[in-house]
Amino acid sequence: MLLLEQVHRLFQLALVEFAPDWEISGACTELSLHRAEHWASGLGTFGLVLHNRVTGATKVLGRRTGELPSATYHRGISYRVLEAYADRITDPIRRYFEELGVVAPPEARFQKPPAGSGLKHA
C-alpha cells in the first residue's frame, strides 16, 4: 500500500508526463468502499481534485457527486495503477488518464520519463 504523500508524488509525476495542462488542487484522500459517495476502484483507491491550468476545468476523482456544479466526477485511482507507474509500466495510468479525458496529444507530452518515483523499494 502507498502513503498519501507517495500517491500525490506519483500522480503529479504522471500528470507532468501525460497531462501537463492539469495539476492537483487539494488534498489526496484514501477512499472507503463503505461510503456511498466514494467512487472507489477497490481496496487502496485514492481521491484527488484536478484543475486544468488552461481551461479552468475541474475533475473530482473518487467521488460520485459533489458541491462543484461545473466539475466532472470520476472513479478514484487505484494504488496498483500508481505502483505500476512507479515501476515504469505506464499503460495503466495512461489508460486511466484517457478515461478521465486529460491526456495531452503526444507532441505536448513530456517525452522523457521523470527521474525518481518517490517510492522506496525494500
PDB file of N, CA and C in Angstrom:
ATOM      1  N   MET A   1       0.848  -1.184   0.000  1.00  0.00           N
ATOM      2  CA  MET A   1       0.000   0.000   0.000  1.00  0.00           C
ATOM      3  C   MET A   1       0.887   1.238   0.000  1.00  0.00           C
ATOM      4  N   LEU A   2       0.368   2.305  -0.532  1.00  0.00           N
ATOM      5  CA  LEU A   2       1.119   3.555  -0.641  1.00  0.00           C
ATOM      6  C   LEU A   2       0.671   4.559   0.414  1.00  0.00           C
ATOM      7  N   LEU A   3       1.584   5.398   0.815  1.00  0.00           N
ATOM      8  CA  LEU A   3       1.264   6.522   1.694  1.00  0.00           C
ATOM      9  C   LEU A   3       0.642   7.631   0.856  1.00  0.00           C
ATOM     10  N   LEU A   4      -0.136   8.504   1.493  1.00  0.00           N
ATOM     11  CA  LEU A   4      -0.767   9.607   0.774  1.00  0.00           C
ATOM     12  C   LEU A   4       0.255  10.473   0.050  1.00  0.00           C
ATOM     13  N   GLU A   5       1.412  10.692   0.672  1.00  0.00           N
ATOM     14  CA  GLU A   5       2.464  11.504   0.058  1.00  0.00           C
ATOM     15  C   GLU A   5       2.997  10.836  -1.211  1.00  0.00           C
ATOM     16  N   GLN A   6       3.111   9.509  -1.190  1.00  0.00           N
ATOM     17  CA  GLN A   6       3.580   8.780  -2.365  1.00  0.00           C
ATOM     18  C   GLN A   6       2.547   8.843  -3.495  1.00  0.00           C
ATOM     19  N   VAL A   7       1.277   8.719  -3.139  1.00  0.00           N
ATOM     20  CA  VAL A   7       0.210   8.820  -4.130  1.00  0.00           C
ATOM     21  C   VAL A   7       0.266  10.187  -4.799  1.00  0.00           C
ATOM     22  N   HIS A   8       0.366  11.232  -3.998  1.00  0.00           N
ATOM     23  CA  HIS A   8       0.426  12.595  -4.521  1.00  0.00           C
ATOM     24  C   HIS A   8       1.621  12.759  -5.460  1.00  0.00           C
ATOM     25  N   ARG A   9       2.780  12.313  -5.032  1.00  0.00           N
ATOM     26  CA  ARG A   9       4.011  12.461  -5.830  1.00  0.00           C
ATOM     27  C   ARG A   9       3.930  11.679  -7.141  1.00  0.00           C
ATOM     28  N   LEU A  10       3.509  10.425  -7.099  1.00  0.00           N
ATOM     29  CA  LEU A  10       3.405   9.626  -8.313  1.00  0.00           C
ATOM     30  C   LEU A  10       2.369  10.190  -9.281  1.00  0.00           C
ATOM     31  N   PHE A  11       1.238  10.631  -8.743  1.00  0.00           N
ATOM     32  CA  PHE A  11       0.196  11.188  -9.600  1.00  0.00           C
ATOM     33  C   PHE A  11       0.686  12.468 -10.256  1.00  0.00           C
ATOM     34  N   GLN A  12       1.389  13.296  -9.497  1.00  0.00           N
ATOM     35  CA  GLN A  12       1.927  14.541 -10.047  1.00  0.00           C
ATOM     36  C   GLN A  12       2.941  14.250 -11.155  1.00  0.00           C
ATOM     37  N   LEU A  13       3.822  13.283 -10.953  1.00  0.00           N
ATOM     38  CA  LEU A  13       4.785  12.900 -11.988  1.00  0.00           C
ATOM     39  C   LEU A  13       4.076  12.414 -13.250  1.00  0.00           C
ATOM     40  N   ALA A  14       3.023  11.636 -13.076  1.00  0.00           N
ATOM     41  CA  ALA A  14       2.271  11.134 -14.228  1.00  0.00           C
ATOM     42  C   ALA A  14       1.564  12.271 -14.961  1.00  0.00           C
ATOM     43  N   LEU A  15       1.045  13.244 -14.227  1.00  0.00           N
ATOM     44  CA  LEU A  15       0.431  14.407 -14.878  1.00  0.00           C
ATOM     45  C   LEU A  15       1.456  15.154 -15.722  1.00  0.00           C
ATOM     46  N   VAL A  16       2.638  15.367 -15.189  1.00  0.00           N
ATOM     47  CA  VAL A  16       3.699  16.060 -15.932  1.00  0.00           C
ATOM     48  C   VAL A  16       3.999  15.310 -17.232  1.00  0.00           C
ATOM     49  N   GLU A  17       4.026  14.003 -17.150  1.00  0.00           N
ATOM     50  CA  GLU A  17       4.375  13.193 -18.314  1.00  0.00           C
ATOM     51  C   GLU A  17       3.253  13.096 -19.345  1.00  0.00           C
ATOM     52  N   PHE A  18       2.012  12.910 -18.908  1.00  0.00           N
ATOM     53  CA  PHE A  18       0.920  12.624 -19.831  1.00  0.00           C
ATOM     54  C   PHE A  18      -0.147  13.714 -19.947  1.00  0.00           C
ATOM     55  N   ALA A  19      -0.262  14.578 -18.964  1.00  0.00           N
ATOM     56  CA  ALA A  19      -1.328  15.587 -18.959  1.00  0.00           C
ATOM     57  C   ALA A  19      -0.797  16.893 -18.361  1.00  0.00           C
ATOM     58  N   PRO A  20       0.158  17.541 -19.045  1.00  0.00           N
ATOM     59  CA  PRO A  20       0.842  18.691 -18.454  1.00  0.00           C
ATOM     60  C   PRO A  20      -0.036  19.911 -18.181  1.00  0.00           C
ATOM     61  N   ASP A  21      -1.221  19.993 -18.783  1.00  0.00           N
ATOM     62  CA  ASP A  21      -2.108  21.134 -18.507  1.00  0.00           C
ATOM     63  C   ASP A  21      -2.868  20.982 -17.191  1.00  0.00           C
ATOM     64  N   TRP A  22      -2.777  19.811 -16.571  1.00  0.00           N
ATOM     65  CA  TRP A  22      -3.533  19.527 -15.356  1.00  0.00           C
ATOM     66  C   TRP A  22      -2.627  19.534 -14.136  1.00  0.00           C
ATOM     67  N   GLU A  23      -3.204  19.947 -12.997  1.00  0.00           N
ATOM     68  CA  GLU A  23      -2.473  19.940 -11.732  1.00  0.00           C
ATOM     69  C   GLU A  23      -3.400  19.472 -10.623  1.00  0.00           C
ATOM     70  N   ILE A  24      -2.791  18.968  -9.557  1.00  0.00           N
ATOM     71  CA  ILE A  24      -3.554  18.560  -8.373  1.00  0.00           C
ATOM     72  C   ILE A  24      -3.884  19.813  -7.585  1.00  0.00           C
ATOM     73  N   SER A  25      -5.144  19.954  -7.216  1.00  0.00           N
ATOM     74  CA  SER A  25      -5.544  21.092  -6.383  1.00  0.00           C
ATOM     75  C   SER A  25      -6.358  20.542  -5.221  1.00  0.00           C
ATOM     76  N   GLY A  26      -5.725  20.437  -4.092  1.00  0.00           N
ATOM     77  CA  GLY A  26      -6.405  19.883  -2.934  1.00  0.00           C
ATOM     78  C   GLY A  26      -5.709  18.642  -2.420  1.00  0.00           C
ATOM     79  N   ALA A  27      -6.204  18.178  -1.326  1.00  0.00           N
ATOM     80  CA  ALA A  27      -5.589  17.047  -0.631  1.00  0.00           C
ATOM     81  C   ALA A  27      -5.938  15.727  -1.293  1.00  0.00           C
ATOM     82  N   CYS A  28      -5.042  14.794  -1.151  1.00  0.00           N
ATOM     83  CA  CYS A  28      -5.243  13.415  -1.582  1.00  0.00           C
ATOM     84  C   CYS A  28      -5.917  12.680  -0.409  1.00  0.00           C
ATOM     85  N   THR A  29      -6.944  11.884  -0.719  1.00  0.00           N
ATOM     86  CA  THR A  29      -7.649  11.166   0.339  1.00  0.00           C
ATOM     87  C   THR A  29      -7.771   9.692  -0.017  1.00  0.00           C
ATOM     88  N   GLU A  30      -7.743   8.842   0.997  1.00  0.00           N
ATOM     89  CA  GLU A  30      -7.994   7.424   0.770  1.00  0.00           C
ATOM     90  C   GLU A  30      -9.501   7.207   0.812  1.00  0.00           C
ATOM     91  N   LEU A  31     -10.011   6.434  -0.138  1.00  0.00           N
ATOM     92  CA  LEU A  31     -11.445   6.213  -0.246  1.00  0.00           C
ATOM     93  C   LEU A  31     -11.854   4.940   0.473  1.00  0.00           C
ATOM     94  N   SER A  32     -13.128   4.886   0.839  1.00  0.00           N
ATOM     95  CA  SER A  32     -13.680   3.734   1.538  1.00  0.00           C
ATOM     96  C   SER A  32     -14.749   3.073   0.673  1.00  0.00           C
ATOM     97  N   LEU A  33     -14.743   1.765   0.666  1.00  0.00           N
ATOM     98  CA  LEU A  33     -15.780   1.020  -0.049  1.00  0.00           C
ATOM     99  C   LEU A  33     -17.127   1.114   0.665  1.00  0.00           C
ATOM    100  N   HIS A  34     -17.118   1.575   1.910  1.00  0.00           N
ATOM    101  CA  HIS A  34     -18.323   1.607   2.734  1.00  0.00           C
ATOM    102  C   HIS A  34     -19.030   2.959   2.728  1.00  0.00           C
ATOM    103  N   ARG A  35     -18.508   3.914   1.980  1.00  0.00           N
ATOM    104  CA  ARG A  35     -19.140   5.234   1.901  1.00  0.00           C
ATOM    105  C   ARG A  35     -19.746   5.402   0.516  1.00  0.00           C
ATOM    106  N   ALA A  36     -21.040   5.599   0.474  1.00  0.00           N
ATOM    107  CA  ALA A  36     -21.771   5.644  -0.797  1.00  0.00           C
ATOM    108  C   ALA A  36     -21.288   6.758  -1.717  1.00  0.00           C
ATOM    109  N   GLU A  37     -20.834   7.872  -1.164  1.00  0.00           N
ATOM    110  CA  GLU A  37     -20.403   8.989  -2.008  1.00  0.00           C
ATOM    111  C   GLU A  37     -19.024   8.772  -2.637  1.00  0.00           C
ATOM    112  N   HIS A  38     -18.272   7.799  -2.085  1.00  0.00           N
ATOM    113  CA  HIS A  38     -16.953   7.491  -2.652  1.00  0.00           C
ATOM    114  C   HIS A  38     -17.116   6.608  -3.890  1.00  0.00           C
ATOM    115  N   TRP A  39     -16.297   6.876  -4.902  1.00  0.00           N
ATOM    116  CA  TRP A  39     -16.309   6.093  -6.129  1.00  0.00           C
ATOM    117  C   TRP A  39     -14.972   5.377  -6.215  1.00  0.00           C
ATOM    118  N   ALA A  40     -14.885   4.250  -5.540  1.00  0.00           N
ATOM    119  CA  ALA A  40     -13.631   3.509  -5.406  1.00  0.00           C
ATOM    120  C   ALA A  40     -13.500   2.465  -6.508  1.00  0.00           C
ATOM    121  N   SER A  41     -12.252   2.102  -6.785  1.00  0.00           N
ATOM    122  CA  SER A  41     -11.937   1.052  -7.760  1.00  0.00           C
ATOM    123  C   SER A  41     -11.526  -0.227  -7.048  1.00  0.00           C
ATOM    124  N   GLY A  42     -11.877  -0.355  -5.789  1.00  0.00           N
ATOM    125  CA  GLY A  42     -11.469  -1.487  -4.966  1.00  0.00           C
ATOM    126  C   GLY A  42     -10.687  -0.986  -3.772  1.00  0.00           C
ATOM    127  N   LEU A  43     -10.113  -1.916  -3.025  1.00  0.00           N
ATOM    128  CA  LEU A  43      -9.294  -1.529  -1.872  1.00  0.00           C
ATOM    129  C   LEU A  43      -8.087  -0.737  -2.346  1.00  0.00           C
ATOM    130  N   GLY A  44      -7.677   0.235  -1.559  1.00  0.00           N
ATOM    131  CA  GLY A  44      -6.499   1.012  -1.910  1.00  0.00           C
ATOM    132  C   GLY A  44      -6.748   1.992  -3.038  1.00  0.00           C
ATOM    133  N   THR A  45      -7.900   2.662  -2.995  1.00  0.00           N
ATOM    134  CA  THR A  45      -8.234   3.667  -4.004  1.00  0.00           C
ATOM    135  C   THR A  45      -8.136   5.049  -3.364  1.00  0.00           C
ATOM    136  N   PHE A  46      -7.678   6.003  -4.156  1.00  0.00           N
ATOM    137  CA  PHE A  46      -7.456   7.353  -3.657  1.00  0.00           C
ATOM    138  C   PHE A  46      -8.225   8.372  -4.483  1.00  0.00           C
ATOM    139  N   GLY A  47      -8.588   9.467  -3.830  1.00  0.00           N
ATOM    140  CA  GLY A  47      -9.285  10.555  -4.484  1.00  0.00           C
ATOM    141  C   GLY A  47      -8.435  11.809  -4.528  1.00  0.00           C
ATOM    142  N   LEU A  48      -8.604  12.577  -5.589  1.00  0.00           N
ATOM    143  CA  LEU A  48      -7.882  13.834  -5.797  1.00  0.00           C
ATOM    144  C   LEU A  48      -8.804  14.799  -6.536  1.00  0.00           C
ATOM    145  N   VAL A  49      -8.444  16.058  -6.522  1.00  0.00           N
ATOM    146  CA  VAL A  49      -9.122  17.053  -7.346  1.00  0.00           C
ATOM    147  C   VAL A  49      -8.088  17.585  -8.328  1.00  0.00           C
ATOM    148  N   LEU A  50      -8.464  17.602  -9.612  1.00  0.00           N
ATOM    149  CA  LEU A  50      -7.587  18.108 -10.658  1.00  0.00           C
ATOM    150  C   LEU A  50      -8.139  19.404 -11.219  1.00  0.00           C
ATOM    151  N   HIS A  51      -7.231  20.290 -11.601  1.00  0.00           N
ATOM    152  CA  HIS A  51      -7.599  21.573 -12.185  1.00  0.00           C
ATOM    153  C   HIS A  51      -6.790  21.774 -13.462  1.00  0.00           C
ATOM    154  N   ASN A  52      -7.461  22.203 -14.522  1.00  0.00           N
ATOM    155  CA  ASN A  52      -6.777  22.481 -15.776  1.00  0.00           C
ATOM    156  C   ASN A  52      -6.299  23.934 -15.767  1.00  0.00           C
ATOM    157  N   ARG A  53      -4.983  24.117 -15.915  1.00  0.00           N
ATOM    158  CA  ARG A  53      -4.386  25.457 -15.874  1.00  0.00           C
ATOM    159  C   ARG A  53      -4.842  26.330 -17.036  1.00  0.00           C
ATOM    160  N   VAL A  54      -5.198  25.721 -18.158  1.00  0.00           N
ATOM    161  CA  VAL A  54      -5.544  26.474 -19.364  1.00  0.00           C
ATOM    162  C   VAL A  54      -7.034  26.812 -19.415  1.00  0.00           C
ATOM    163  N   THR A  55      -7.884  25.798 -19.213  1.00  0.00           N
ATOM    164  CA  THR A  55      -9.330  25.987 -19.377  1.00  0.00           C
ATOM    165  C   THR A  55     -10.064  26.298 -18.076  1.00  0.00           C
ATOM    166  N   GLY A  56      -9.430  25.979 -16.941  1.00  0.00           N
ATOM    167  CA  GLY A  56     -10.089  26.165 -15.655  1.00  0.00           C
ATOM    168  C   GLY A  56     -11.010  25.019 -15.265  1.00  0.00           C
ATOM    169  N   ALA A  57     -11.083  23.970 -16.097  1.00  0.00           N
ATOM    170  CA  ALA A  57     -11.946  22.820 -15.799  1.00  0.00           C
ATOM    171  C   ALA A  57     -11.477  22.114 -14.534  1.00  0.00           C
ATOM    172  N   THR A  58     -12.414  21.471 -13.854  1.00  0.00           N
ATOM    173  CA  THR A  58     -12.126  20.727 -12.632  1.00  0.00           C
ATOM    174  C   THR A  58     -12.649  19.309 -12.771  1.00  0.00           C
ATOM    175  N   LYS A  59     -11.847  18.353 -12.315  1.00  0.00           N
ATOM    176  CA  LYS A  59     -12.247  16.948 -12.282  1.00  0.00           C
ATOM    177  C   LYS A  59     -12.036  16.442 -10.857  1.00  0.00           C
ATOM    178  N   VAL A  60     -13.060  15.838 -10.306  1.00  0.00           N
ATOM    179  CA  VAL A  60     -13.003  15.293  -8.954  1.00  0.00           C
ATOM    180  C   VAL A  60     -12.903  13.777  -9.085  1.00  0.00           C
ATOM    181  N   LEU A  61     -11.808  13.234  -8.589  1.00  0.00           N
ATOM    182  CA  LEU A  61     -11.565  11.799  -8.684  1.00  0.00           C
ATOM    183  C   LEU A  61     -11.940  11.136  -7.364  1.00  0.00           C
ATOM    184  N   GLY A  62     -12.727  10.075  -7.441  1.00  0.00           N
ATOM    185  CA  GLY A  62     -13.089   9.322  -6.254  1.00  0.00           C
ATOM    186  C   GLY A  62     -14.396   9.731  -5.607  1.00  0.00           C
ATOM    187  N   ARG A  63     -15.152  10.574  -6.260  1.00  0.00           N
ATOM    188  CA  ARG A  63     -16.461  10.989  -5.740  1.00  0.00           C
ATOM    189  C   ARG A  63     -17.503  10.820  -6.832  1.00  0.00           C
ATOM    190  N   ARG A  64     -18.696  10.406  -6.422  1.00  0.00           N
ATOM    191  CA  ARG A  64     -19.785  10.236  -7.386  1.00  0.00           C
ATOM    192  C   ARG A  64     -20.477  11.555  -7.694  1.00  0.00           C
ATOM    193  N   THR A  65     -20.579  12.409  -6.692  1.00  0.00           N
ATOM    194  CA  THR A  65     -21.203  13.727  -6.835  1.00  0.00           C
ATOM    195  C   THR A  65     -20.502  14.677  -5.879  1.00  0.00           C
ATOM    196  N   GLY A  66     -20.859  15.952  -5.969  1.00  0.00           N
ATOM    197  CA  GLY A  66     -20.259  16.901  -5.058  1.00  0.00           C
ATOM    198  C   GLY A  66     -20.863  18.281  -5.190  1.00  0.00           C
ATOM    199  N   GLU A  67     -20.216  19.234  -4.546  1.00  0.00           N
ATOM    200  CA  GLU A  67     -20.727  20.596  -4.483  1.00  0.00           C
ATOM    201  C   GLU A  67     -20.242  21.493  -5.620  1.00  0.00           C
ATOM    202  N   LEU A  68     -19.356  20.992  -6.465  1.00  0.00           N
ATOM    203  CA  LEU A  68     -18.847  21.791  -7.576  1.00  0.00           C
ATOM    204  C   LEU A  68     -19.687  21.502  -8.823  1.00  0.00           C
ATOM    205  N   PRO A  69     -20.646  22.372  -9.136  1.00  0.00           N
ATOM    206  CA  PRO A  69     -21.564  22.072 -10.235  1.00  0.00           C
ATOM    207  C   PRO A  69     -20.895  21.995 -11.606  1.00  0.00           C
ATOM    208  N   SER A  70     -19.797  22.699 -11.811  1.00  0.00           N
ATOM    209  CA  SER A  70     -19.151  22.680 -13.123  1.00  0.00           C
ATOM    210  C   SER A  70     -18.096  21.574 -13.243  1.00  0.00           C
ATOM    211  N   ALA A  71     -17.842  20.848 -12.161  1.00  0.00           N
ATOM    212  CA  ALA A  71     -16.831  19.775 -12.178  1.00  0.00           C
ATOM    213  C   ALA A  71     -17.413  18.500 -12.772  1.00  0.00           C
ATOM    214  N   THR A  72     -16.524  17.650 -13.239  1.00  0.00           N
ATOM    215  CA  THR A  72     -16.925  16.302 -13.626  1.00  0.00           C
ATOM    216  C   THR A  72     -16.383  15.339 -12.574  1.00  0.00           C
ATOM    217  N   TYR A  73     -17.093  14.249 -12.358  1.00  0.00           N
ATOM    218  CA  TYR A  73     -16.777  13.308 -11.289  1.00  0.00           C
ATOM    219  C   TYR A  73     -16.397  11.956 -11.887  1.00  0.00           C
ATOM    220  N   HIS A  74     -15.352  11.344 -11.310  1.00  0.00           N
ATOM    221  CA  HIS A  74     -14.784  10.125 -11.869  1.00  0.00           C
ATOM    222  C   HIS A  74     -14.371   9.178 -10.750  1.00  0.00           C
ATOM    223  N   ARG A  75     -14.195   7.896 -11.116  1.00  0.00           N
ATOM    224  CA  ARG A  75     -13.729   6.929 -10.120  1.00  0.00           C
ATOM    225  C   ARG A  75     -12.312   7.291  -9.680  1.00  0.00           C
ATOM    226  N   GLY A  76     -11.959   6.840  -8.484  1.00  0.00           N
ATOM    227  CA  GLY A  76     -10.646   7.129  -7.928  1.00  0.00           C
ATOM    228  C   GLY A  76      -9.546   6.320  -8.587  1.00  0.00           C
ATOM    229  N   ILE A  77      -8.315   6.636  -8.222  1.00  0.00           N
ATOM    230  CA  ILE A  77      -7.133   5.971  -8.769  1.00  0.00           C
ATOM    231  C   ILE A  77      -6.683   4.858  -7.820  1.00  0.00           C
ATOM    232  N   SER A  78      -6.472   3.689  -8.374  1.00  0.00           N
ATOM    233  CA  SER A  78      -6.031   2.543  -7.591  1.00  0.00           C
ATOM    234  C   SER A  78      -4.540   2.632  -7.302  1.00  0.00           C
ATOM    235  N   TYR A  79      -4.151   2.200  -6.114  1.00  0.00           N
ATOM    236  CA  TYR A  79      -2.733   2.189  -5.768  1.00  0.00           C
ATOM    237  C   TYR A  79      -1.956   1.274  -6.708  1.00  0.00           C
ATOM    238  N   ARG A  80      -2.615   0.263  -7.261  1.00  0.00           N
ATOM    239  CA  ARG A  80      -1.929  -0.667  -8.169  1.00  0.00           C
ATOM    240  C   ARG A  80      -1.519   0.024  -9.472  1.00  0.00           C
ATOM    241  N   VAL A  81      -2.352   0.922  -9.944  1.00  0.00           N
ATOM    242  CA  VAL A  81      -2.004   1.692 -11.145  1.00  0.00           C
ATOM    243  C   VAL A  81      -0.790   2.571 -10.859  1.00  0.00           C
ATOM    244  N   LEU A  82      -0.771   3.174  -9.678  1.00  0.00           N
ATOM    245  CA  LEU A  82       0.361   4.033  -9.308  1.00  0.00           C
ATOM    246  C   LEU A  82       1.639   3.239  -9.067  1.00  0.00           C
ATOM    247  N   GLU A  83       1.521   2.054  -8.477  1.00  0.00           N
ATOM    248  CA  GLU A  83       2.704   1.209  -8.296  1.00  0.00           C
ATOM    249  C   GLU A  83       3.270   0.776  -9.643  1.00  0.00           C
ATOM    250  N   ALA A  84       2.396   0.457 -10.583  1.00  0.00           N
ATOM    251  CA  ALA A  84       2.859   0.098 -11.927  1.00  0.00           C
ATOM    252  C   ALA A  84       3.596   1.275 -12.550  1.00  0.00           C
ATOM    253  N   TYR A  85       3.047   2.472 -12.384  1.00  0.00           N
ATOM    254  CA  TYR A  85       3.711   3.669 -12.921  1.00  0.00           C
ATOM    255  C   TYR A  85       5.086   3.862 -12.277  1.00  0.00           C
ATOM    256  N   ALA A  86       5.183   3.634 -10.992  1.00  0.00           N
ATOM    257  CA  ALA A  86       6.464   3.758 -10.293  1.00  0.00           C
ATOM    258  C   ALA A  86       7.501   2.802 -10.867  1.00  0.00           C
ATOM    259  N   ASP A  87       7.043   1.661 -11.373  1.00  0.00           N
ATOM    260  CA  ASP A  87       7.932   0.672 -11.996  1.00  0.00           C
ATOM    261  C   ASP A  87       8.083   0.919 -13.497  1.00  0.00           C
ATOM    262  N   ARG A  88       7.611   2.070 -13.985  1.00  0.00           N
ATOM    263  CA  ARG A  88       7.678   2.499 -15.388  1.00  0.00           C
ATOM    264  C   ARG A  88       6.815   1.644 -16.316  1.00  0.00           C
ATOM    265  N   ILE A  89       5.771   1.059 -15.762  1.00  0.00           N
ATOM    266  CA  ILE A  89       4.744   0.408 -16.568  1.00  0.00           C
ATOM    267  C   ILE A  89       3.653   1.466 -16.721  1.00  0.00           C
ATOM    268  N   THR A  90       3.676   2.173 -17.832  1.00  0.00           N
ATOM    269  CA  THR A  90       2.865   3.386 -17.965  1.00  0.00           C
ATOM    270  C   THR A  90       1.491   3.160 -18.587  1.00  0.00           C
ATOM    271  N   ASP A  91       1.250   2.005 -19.185  1.00  0.00           N
ATOM    272  CA  ASP A  91      -0.023   1.794 -19.859  1.00  0.00           C
ATOM    273  C   ASP A  91      -1.241   1.964 -18.936  1.00  0.00           C
ATOM    274  N   PRO A  92      -1.248   1.411 -17.710  1.00  0.00           N
ATOM    275  CA  PRO A  92      -2.443   1.590 -16.860  1.00  0.00           C
ATOM    276  C   PRO A  92      -2.747   3.054 -16.519  1.00  0.00           C
ATOM    277  N   ILE A  93      -1.730   3.854 -16.208  1.00  0.00           N
ATOM    278  CA  ILE A  93      -2.003   5.263 -15.853  1.00  0.00           C
ATOM    279  C   ILE A  93      -2.414   6.041 -17.097  1.00  0.00           C
ATOM    280  N   ARG A  94      -1.818   5.725 -18.236  1.00  0.00           N
ATOM    281  CA  ARG A  94      -2.190   6.405 -19.470  1.00  0.00           C
ATOM    282  C   ARG A  94      -3.654   6.098 -19.826  1.00  0.00           C
ATOM    283  N   ARG A  95      -4.053   4.819 -19.684  1.00  0.00           N
ATOM    284  CA  ARG A  95      -5.451   4.450 -19.961  1.00  0.00           C
ATOM    285  C   ARG A  95      -6.407   5.123 -18.976  1.00  0.00           C
ATOM    286  N   TYR A  96      -6.003   5.223 -17.699  1.00  0.00           N
ATOM    287  CA  TYR A  96      -6.833   5.909 -16.704  1.00  0.00           C
ATOM    288  C   TYR A  96      -6.995   7.384 -17.090  1.00  0.00           C
ATOM    289  N   PHE A  97      -5.903   8.021 -17.486  1.00  0.00           N
ATOM    290  CA  PHE A  97      -5.971   9.424 -17.907  1.00  0.00           C
ATOM    291  C   PHE A  97      -6.836   9.583 -19.159  1.00  0.00           C
ATOM    292  N   GLU A  98      -6.790   8.616 -20.069  1.00  0.00           N
ATOM    293  CA  GLU A  98      -7.661   8.659 -21.242  1.00  0.00           C
ATOM    294  C   GLU A  98      -9.125   8.578 -20.815  1.00  0.00           C
ATOM    295  N   GLU A  99      -9.413   7.709 -19.843  1.00  0.00           N
ATOM    296  CA  GLU A  99     -10.770   7.587 -19.312  1.00  0.00           C
ATOM    297  C   GLU A  99     -11.242   8.930 -18.730  1.00  0.00           C
ATOM    298  N   LEU A 100     -10.328   9.632 -18.066  1.00  0.00           N
ATOM    299  CA  LEU A 100     -10.665  10.929 -17.488  1.00  0.00           C
ATOM    300  C   LEU A 100     -10.788  12.027 -18.538  1.00  0.00           C
ATOM    301  N   GLY A 101     -10.144  11.823 -19.677  1.00  0.00           N
ATOM    302  CA  GLY A 101     -10.139  12.851 -20.716  1.00  0.00           C
ATOM    303  C   GLY A 101      -9.092  13.932 -20.479  1.00  0.00           C
ATOM    304  N   VAL A 102      -7.961  13.568 -19.884  1.00  0.00           N
ATOM    305  CA  VAL A 102      -6.928  14.565 -19.581  1.00  0.00           C
ATOM    306  C   VAL A 102      -5.630  14.370 -20.367  1.00  0.00           C
ATOM    307  N   VAL A 103      -5.516  13.308 -21.158  1.00  0.00           N
ATOM    308  CA  VAL A 103      -4.266  13.014 -21.854  1.00  0.00           C
ATOM    309  C   VAL A 103      -4.006  14.072 -22.924  1.00  0.00           C
ATOM    310  N   ALA A 104      -2.797  14.616 -22.902  1.00  0.00           N
ATOM    311  CA  ALA A 104      -2.383  15.588 -23.909  1.00  0.00           C
ATOM    312  C   ALA A 104      -1.981  14.860 -25.189  1.00  0.00           C
ATOM    313  N   PRO A 105      -2.032  15.543 -26.340  1.00  0.00           N
ATOM    314  CA  PRO A 105      -1.536  14.924 -27.573  1.00  0.00           C
ATOM    315  C   PRO A 105      -0.064  14.555 -27.413  1.00  0.00           C
ATOM    316  N   PRO A 106       0.403  13.529 -28.107  1.00  0.00           N
ATOM    317  CA  PRO A 106       1.787  13.070 -27.928  1.00  0.00           C
ATOM    318  C   PRO A 106       2.837  14.171 -28.043  1.00  0.00           C
ATOM    319  N   GLU A 107       2.655  15.104 -28.963  1.00  0.00           N
ATOM    320  CA  GLU A 107       3.660  16.158 -29.136  1.00  0.00           C
ATOM    321  C   GLU A 107       3.714  17.135 -27.964  1.00  0.00           C
ATOM    322  N   ALA A 108       2.674  17.183 -27.145  1.00  0.00           N
ATOM    323  CA  ALA A 108       2.643  18.103 -25.999  1.00  0.00           C
ATOM    324  C   ALA A 108       3.095  17.438 -24.703  1.00  0.00           C
ATOM    325  N   ARG A 109       3.298  16.124 -24.755  1.00  0.00           N
ATOM    326  CA  ARG A 109       3.658  15.391 -23.540  1.00  0.00           C
ATOM    327  C   ARG A 109       5.141  15.466 -23.246  1.00  0.00           C
ATOM    328  N   PHE A 110       5.441  15.293 -21.978  1.00  0.00           N
ATOM    329  CA  PHE A 110       6.824  15.159 -21.519  1.00  0.00           C
ATOM    330  C   PHE A 110       7.315  13.813 -22.019  1.00  0.00           C
ATOM    331  N   GLN A 111       8.301  13.804 -22.903  1.00  0.00           N
ATOM    332  CA  GLN A 111       8.709  12.576 -23.561  1.00  0.00           C
ATOM    333  C   GLN A 111       9.678  11.720 -22.762  1.00  0.00           C
ATOM    334  N   LYS A 112      10.435  12.308 -21.874  1.00  0.00           N
ATOM    335  CA  LYS A 112      11.431  11.558 -21.114  1.00  0.00           C
ATOM    336  C   LYS A 112      10.845  11.170 -19.761  1.00  0.00           C
ATOM    337  N   PRO A 113      11.026   9.918 -19.316  1.00  0.00           N
ATOM    338  CA  PRO A 113      10.465   9.522 -18.022  1.00  0.00           C
ATOM    339  C   PRO A 113      11.084  10.338 -16.903  1.00  0.00           C
ATOM    340  N   PRO A 114      10.267  10.783 -15.935  1.00  0.00           N
ATOM    341  CA  PRO A 114      10.799  11.532 -14.813  1.00  0.00           C
ATOM    342  C   PRO A 114      11.708  10.656 -13.959  1.00  0.00           C
ATOM    343  N   ALA A 115      12.727  11.257 -13.405  1.00  0.00           N
ATOM    344  CA  ALA A 115      13.658  10.520 -12.550  1.00  0.00           C
ATOM    345  C   ALA A 115      13.109  10.455 -11.133  1.00  0.00           C
ATOM    346  N   GLY A 116      13.231   9.301 -10.503  1.00  0.00           N
ATOM    347  CA  GLY A 116      12.842   9.144  -9.104  1.00  0.00           C
ATOM    348  C   GLY A 116      11.352   9.150  -8.889  1.00  0.00           C
ATOM    349  N   SER A 117      10.799   8.016  -8.594  1.00  0.00           N
ATOM    350  CA  SER A 117       9.357   7.896  -8.414  1.00  0.00           C
ATOM    351  C   SER A 117       8.880   8.352  -7.050  1.00  0.00           C
ATOM    352  N   GLY A 118       9.782   8.414  -6.103  1.00  0.00           N
ATOM    353  CA  GLY A 118       9.359   8.728  -4.746  1.00  0.00           C
ATOM    354  C   GLY A 118       9.048   7.496  -3.924  1.00  0.00           C
ATOM    355  N   LEU A 119       9.104   6.316  -4.541  1.00  0.00           N
ATOM    356  CA  LEU A 119       8.884   5.068  -3.815  1.00  0.00           C
ATOM    357  C   LEU A 119      10.222   4.466  -3.437  1.00  0.00           C
ATOM    358  N   LYS A 120      10.277   3.930  -2.270  1.00  0.00           N
ATOM    359  CA  LYS A 120      11.467   3.218  -1.824  1.00  0.00           C
ATOM    360  C   LYS A 120      11.159   1.738  -1.850  1.00  0.00           C
ATOM    361  N   HIS A 121      11.891   1.002  -2.667  1.00  0.00           N
ATOM    362  CA  HIS A 121      11.681  -0.440  -2.738  1.00  0.00           C
ATOM    363  C   HIS A 121      12.587  -1.107  -1.716  1.00  0.00           C
ATOM    364  N   ALA A 122      12.010  -2.038  -0.973  1.00  0.00           N
ATOM    365  CA  ALA A 122      12.778  -2.744   0.061  1.00  0.00           C
ATOM    366  C   ALA A 122      13.580  -3.868  -0.536  1.00  0.00           C
TER     367      ALA A 122
END
